[in-house]
Amino acid sequence: MAHSNSHKTSITKAHQSSSVSPLHRSGSTMMIRSSVEYQIDQRIYQLYENLRACNPSVLIMVNALNVVIRQYPALGPVITTCSDLECFIAAVTAYEEEAEL
């Protein structure tokens, strides 16, 4: 008698709960806000590129970046808002242009 496996793995897995809250919008796009500055170096750039290659959710990517940012405060503040993430990405883009990557 053949045994069939009735248990199928779901393509969409439920995410485990996290102690980190999702990114919050920083307010109206018309609101003028002081820009957050990030100092991109080779190690944070390489982490960012490795994460992009894995294509994780934005929240997972930000959490991973924040682990390093917390360890090296000179890189800049932790990413907590969409605006912070946009500033981080702009800093990465500027780093790429300066390093001709």
N, C-alpha and C. Protein backbone atom coordinates (compact mmCIF):
# COMPACT_ATOMS: atom_id res chain seq x y z
N MET A 1 0.84 -1.17 0.00
CA MET A 1 0.00 0.00 0.00
C MET A 1 0.89 1.25 0.00
N ALA A 2 0.65 2.12 -0.92
CA ALA A 2 1.45 3.33 -1.04
C ALA A 2 1.06 4.32 0.04
N HIS A 3 2.05 4.99 0.58
CA HIS A 3 1.81 6.00 1.61
C HIS A 3 1.89 7.38 0.98
N SER A 4 0.86 8.14 1.10
CA SER A 4 0.91 9.49 0.55
C SER A 4 1.14 10.49 1.67
N ASN A 5 1.89 11.45 1.35
CA ASN A 5 2.17 12.49 2.34
C ASN A 5 1.16 13.61 2.15
N SER A 6 0.22 13.70 3.07
CA SER A 6 -0.82 14.71 2.94
C SER A 6 -0.38 16.08 3.45
N HIS A 7 0.78 16.15 4.07
CA HIS A 7 1.30 17.42 4.58
C HIS A 7 2.08 18.12 3.48
N LYS A 8 1.61 19.26 3.09
CA LYS A 8 2.32 20.06 2.08
C LYS A 8 2.94 21.28 2.74
N THR A 9 4.10 21.63 2.27
CA THR A 9 4.76 22.83 2.77
C THR A 9 4.15 24.04 2.07
N SER A 10 3.77 24.99 2.86
CA SER A 10 3.18 26.21 2.32
C SER A 10 4.27 27.09 1.73
N ILE A 11 3.96 27.70 0.60
CA ILE A 11 4.92 28.63 -0.02
C ILE A 11 5.04 29.89 0.82
N THR A 12 3.93 30.31 1.39
CA THR A 12 3.96 31.52 2.21
C THR A 12 4.02 31.11 3.67
N LYS A 13 5.14 31.33 4.27
CA LYS A 13 5.34 30.97 5.66
C LYS A 13 4.92 32.14 6.55
N ALA A 14 4.35 31.82 7.66
CA ALA A 14 4.01 32.86 8.63
C ALA A 14 5.30 33.38 9.24
N HIS A 15 5.41 34.68 9.34
CA HIS A 15 6.62 35.27 9.93
C HIS A 15 6.55 35.15 11.43
N GLN A 16 7.68 34.87 12.03
CA GLN A 16 7.75 34.83 13.48
C GLN A 16 7.63 36.24 14.01
N SER A 17 7.12 36.33 15.22
CA SER A 17 6.98 37.65 15.82
C SER A 17 8.35 38.26 16.05
N SER A 18 8.41 39.55 15.99
CA SER A 18 9.66 40.27 16.14
C SER A 18 9.51 41.34 17.19
N SER A 19 10.57 41.63 17.89
CA SER A 19 10.54 42.70 18.88
C SER A 19 10.77 44.06 18.23
N VAL A 20 11.05 44.06 16.93
CA VAL A 20 11.30 45.29 16.20
C VAL A 20 10.04 45.67 15.46
N SER A 21 9.60 46.90 15.63
CA SER A 21 8.40 47.32 14.93
C SER A 21 8.73 47.68 13.49
N PRO A 22 7.74 47.56 12.60
CA PRO A 22 7.99 47.88 11.19
C PRO A 22 8.33 49.37 11.01
N LEU A 23 8.86 49.67 9.84
CA LEU A 23 9.19 51.06 9.55
C LEU A 23 7.94 51.92 9.56
N HIS A 24 8.07 53.09 10.10
CA HIS A 24 6.95 54.02 10.15
C HIS A 24 7.19 55.14 9.16
N ARG A 25 6.13 55.58 8.55
CA ARG A 25 6.24 56.73 7.67
C ARG A 25 6.61 57.93 8.51
N SER A 26 7.45 58.76 7.98
CA SER A 26 7.94 59.90 8.75
C SER A 26 7.02 61.10 8.65
N GLY A 27 5.92 60.98 7.94
CA GLY A 27 4.96 62.08 7.84
C GLY A 27 4.70 62.42 6.40
N SER A 28 4.08 63.54 6.18
CA SER A 28 3.73 63.99 4.85
C SER A 28 4.97 64.17 4.00
N THR A 29 4.84 63.86 2.71
CA THR A 29 5.97 64.05 1.82
C THR A 29 6.29 65.52 1.62
N MET A 30 5.36 66.36 1.97
CA MET A 30 5.59 67.80 1.84
C MET A 30 6.31 68.36 3.07
N MET A 31 6.37 67.59 4.13
CA MET A 31 6.99 68.05 5.35
C MET A 31 8.51 68.14 5.17
N ILE A 32 9.08 69.23 5.54
CA ILE A 32 10.53 69.39 5.46
C ILE A 32 11.13 68.82 6.73
N ARG A 33 12.04 67.91 6.57
CA ARG A 33 12.66 67.23 7.70
C ARG A 33 14.17 67.27 7.53
N SER A 34 14.85 67.42 8.62
CA SER A 34 16.31 67.42 8.51
C SER A 34 16.75 66.04 8.04
N SER A 35 17.69 66.02 7.16
CA SER A 35 18.17 64.79 6.55
C SER A 35 19.09 64.04 7.52
N VAL A 36 18.91 62.74 7.56
CA VAL A 36 19.76 61.88 8.38
C VAL A 36 20.98 61.54 7.55
N GLU A 37 22.16 61.54 8.16
CA GLU A 37 23.38 61.24 7.43
C GLU A 37 23.93 59.88 7.83
N TYR A 38 24.35 59.13 6.83
CA TYR A 38 24.96 57.83 7.04
C TYR A 38 26.35 57.85 6.43
N GLN A 39 27.30 57.27 7.14
CA GLN A 39 28.68 57.15 6.65
C GLN A 39 28.85 55.71 6.14
N ILE A 40 28.79 55.55 4.85
CA ILE A 40 28.90 54.22 4.26
C ILE A 40 30.37 53.86 4.12
N ASP A 41 30.71 52.66 4.60
CA ASP A 41 32.06 52.14 4.41
C ASP A 41 31.95 50.80 3.70
N GLN A 42 33.08 50.17 3.44
CA GLN A 42 33.08 48.93 2.67
C GLN A 42 32.26 47.82 3.33
N ARG A 43 32.36 47.69 4.64
CA ARG A 43 31.65 46.57 5.30
C ARG A 43 30.13 46.75 5.26
N ILE A 44 29.62 47.96 5.48
CA ILE A 44 28.16 48.16 5.44
C ILE A 44 27.67 48.09 4.00
N TYR A 45 28.50 48.56 3.06
CA TYR A 45 28.14 48.47 1.65
C TYR A 45 28.06 47.00 1.22
N GLN A 46 29.04 46.19 1.63
CA GLN A 46 29.04 44.78 1.27
C GLN A 46 27.84 44.05 1.88
N LEU A 47 27.50 44.37 3.12
CA LEU A 47 26.32 43.79 3.75
C LEU A 47 25.07 44.16 2.96
N TYR A 48 24.95 45.42 2.60
CA TYR A 48 23.79 45.89 1.82
C TYR A 48 23.70 45.14 0.50
N GLU A 49 24.81 44.99 -0.20
CA GLU A 49 24.80 44.28 -1.49
C GLU A 49 24.46 42.80 -1.31
N ASN A 50 25.01 42.17 -0.27
CA ASN A 50 24.70 40.77 -0.01
C ASN A 50 23.22 40.59 0.31
N LEU A 51 22.68 41.50 1.09
CA LEU A 51 21.25 41.43 1.41
C LEU A 51 20.40 41.62 0.17
N ARG A 52 20.78 42.57 -0.67
CA ARG A 52 20.02 42.79 -1.91
C ARG A 52 20.02 41.55 -2.78
N ALA A 53 21.14 40.84 -2.82
CA ALA A 53 21.24 39.63 -3.63
C ALA A 53 20.30 38.54 -3.10
N CYS A 54 20.08 38.53 -1.78
CA CYS A 54 19.17 37.54 -1.18
C CYS A 54 17.71 37.92 -1.35
N ASN A 55 17.45 39.18 -1.62
CA ASN A 55 16.10 39.71 -1.82
C ASN A 55 15.15 39.43 -0.64
N PRO A 56 15.56 39.82 0.58
CA PRO A 56 14.67 39.62 1.73
C PRO A 56 13.59 40.69 1.77
N SER A 57 12.67 40.58 2.71
CA SER A 57 11.70 41.65 2.89
C SER A 57 12.45 42.90 3.37
N VAL A 58 11.83 44.04 3.19
CA VAL A 58 12.46 45.30 3.62
C VAL A 58 12.73 45.27 5.12
N LEU A 59 11.79 44.74 5.88
CA LEU A 59 11.95 44.71 7.33
C LEU A 59 13.15 43.85 7.74
N ILE A 60 13.32 42.70 7.12
CA ILE A 60 14.48 41.85 7.43
C ILE A 60 15.77 42.54 7.05
N MET A 61 15.76 43.21 5.90
CA MET A 61 16.96 43.93 5.46
C MET A 61 17.32 45.05 6.44
N VAL A 62 16.32 45.81 6.83
CA VAL A 62 16.56 46.92 7.76
C VAL A 62 17.04 46.39 9.11
N ASN A 63 16.44 45.31 9.59
CA ASN A 63 16.89 44.72 10.86
C ASN A 63 18.35 44.31 10.79
N ALA A 64 18.75 43.68 9.70
CA ALA A 64 20.15 43.26 9.54
C ALA A 64 21.09 44.47 9.49
N LEU A 65 20.71 45.49 8.74
CA LEU A 65 21.53 46.70 8.68
C LEU A 65 21.63 47.35 10.06
N ASN A 66 20.51 47.38 10.78
CA ASN A 66 20.52 48.01 12.10
C ASN A 66 21.40 47.29 13.11
N VAL A 67 21.56 45.98 12.96
CA VAL A 67 22.48 45.24 13.85
C VAL A 67 23.88 45.82 13.72
N VAL A 68 24.32 46.04 12.50
CA VAL A 68 25.66 46.59 12.27
C VAL A 68 25.72 48.06 12.68
N ILE A 69 24.69 48.81 12.34
CA ILE A 69 24.67 50.24 12.69
C ILE A 69 24.73 50.42 14.21
N ARG A 70 24.06 49.56 14.96
CA ARG A 70 24.13 49.65 16.43
C ARG A 70 25.53 49.33 16.95
N GLN A 71 26.23 48.42 16.28
CA GLN A 71 27.59 48.07 16.70
C GLN A 71 28.60 49.16 16.37
N TYR A 72 28.32 49.92 15.31
CA TYR A 72 29.23 50.97 14.84
C TYR A 72 28.45 52.27 14.70
N PRO A 73 28.19 52.97 15.81
CA PRO A 73 27.37 54.19 15.78
C PRO A 73 27.87 55.27 14.84
N ALA A 74 29.15 55.26 14.49
CA ALA A 74 29.69 56.28 13.58
C ALA A 74 29.07 56.16 12.19
N LEU A 75 28.46 55.00 11.87
CA LEU A 75 27.81 54.83 10.56
C LEU A 75 26.57 55.70 10.44
N GLY A 76 25.92 55.98 11.57
CA GLY A 76 24.72 56.80 11.55
C GLY A 76 23.68 56.22 12.50
N PRO A 77 22.51 56.84 12.54
CA PRO A 77 21.45 56.36 13.44
C PRO A 77 20.78 55.10 12.88
N VAL A 78 20.16 54.33 13.77
CA VAL A 78 19.43 53.15 13.30
C VAL A 78 18.31 53.61 12.38
N ILE A 79 17.94 52.75 11.46
CA ILE A 79 16.90 53.05 10.47
C ILE A 79 15.55 52.72 11.09
N THR A 80 14.73 53.76 11.30
CA THR A 80 13.43 53.54 11.94
C THR A 80 12.26 54.02 11.09
N THR A 81 12.53 54.86 10.11
CA THR A 81 11.44 55.38 9.27
C THR A 81 11.76 55.15 7.80
N CYS A 82 10.76 55.30 6.99
CA CYS A 82 10.97 55.21 5.53
C CYS A 82 11.95 56.28 5.08
N SER A 83 11.86 57.45 5.68
CA SER A 83 12.77 58.54 5.34
C SER A 83 14.21 58.18 5.69
N ASP A 84 14.42 57.54 6.83
CA ASP A 84 15.76 57.08 7.21
C ASP A 84 16.30 56.11 6.16
N LEU A 85 15.45 55.17 5.74
CA LEU A 85 15.87 54.19 4.74
C LEU A 85 16.21 54.87 3.43
N GLU A 86 15.42 55.85 3.03
CA GLU A 86 15.72 56.59 1.80
C GLU A 86 17.05 57.31 1.91
N CYS A 87 17.34 57.88 3.07
CA CYS A 87 18.63 58.56 3.28
C CYS A 87 19.78 57.55 3.23
N PHE A 88 19.57 56.37 3.81
CA PHE A 88 20.60 55.33 3.78
C PHE A 88 20.88 54.92 2.34
N ILE A 89 19.82 54.68 1.56
CA ILE A 89 20.00 54.26 0.17
C ILE A 89 20.68 55.36 -0.64
N ALA A 90 20.34 56.62 -0.37
CA ALA A 90 21.00 57.73 -1.06
C ALA A 90 22.49 57.76 -0.71
N ALA A 91 22.83 57.47 0.55
CA ALA A 91 24.24 57.43 0.96
C ALA A 91 24.97 56.27 0.27
N VAL A 92 24.29 55.13 0.11
CA VAL A 92 24.89 53.99 -0.59
C VAL A 92 25.14 54.36 -2.05
N THR A 93 24.18 55.02 -2.67
CA THR A 93 24.31 55.46 -4.07
C THR A 93 25.49 56.41 -4.22
N ALA A 94 25.61 57.36 -3.30
CA ALA A 94 26.74 58.31 -3.33
C ALA A 94 28.06 57.57 -3.15
N TYR A 95 28.09 56.57 -2.26
CA TYR A 95 29.29 55.77 -2.05
C TYR A 95 29.68 55.04 -3.32
N GLU A 96 28.69 54.46 -4.00
CA GLU A 96 28.95 53.75 -5.26
C GLU A 96 29.54 54.68 -6.31
N GLU A 97 28.99 55.90 -6.38
CA GLU A 97 29.48 56.86 -7.37
C GLU A 97 30.91 57.30 -7.05
N GLU A 98 31.17 57.56 -5.77
CA GLU A 98 32.52 57.99 -5.38
C GLU A 98 33.55 56.89 -5.57
N ALA A 99 33.14 55.65 -5.26
CA ALA A 99 34.06 54.51 -5.39
C ALA A 99 34.07 53.93 -6.79
N GLU A 100 33.24 54.51 -7.68
CA GLU A 100 33.09 54.05 -9.06
C GLU A 100 32.79 52.55 -9.11
N LEU A 101 31.80 52.15 -8.31
CA LEU A 101 31.38 50.74 -8.29
C LEU A 101 30.27 50.46 -9.28
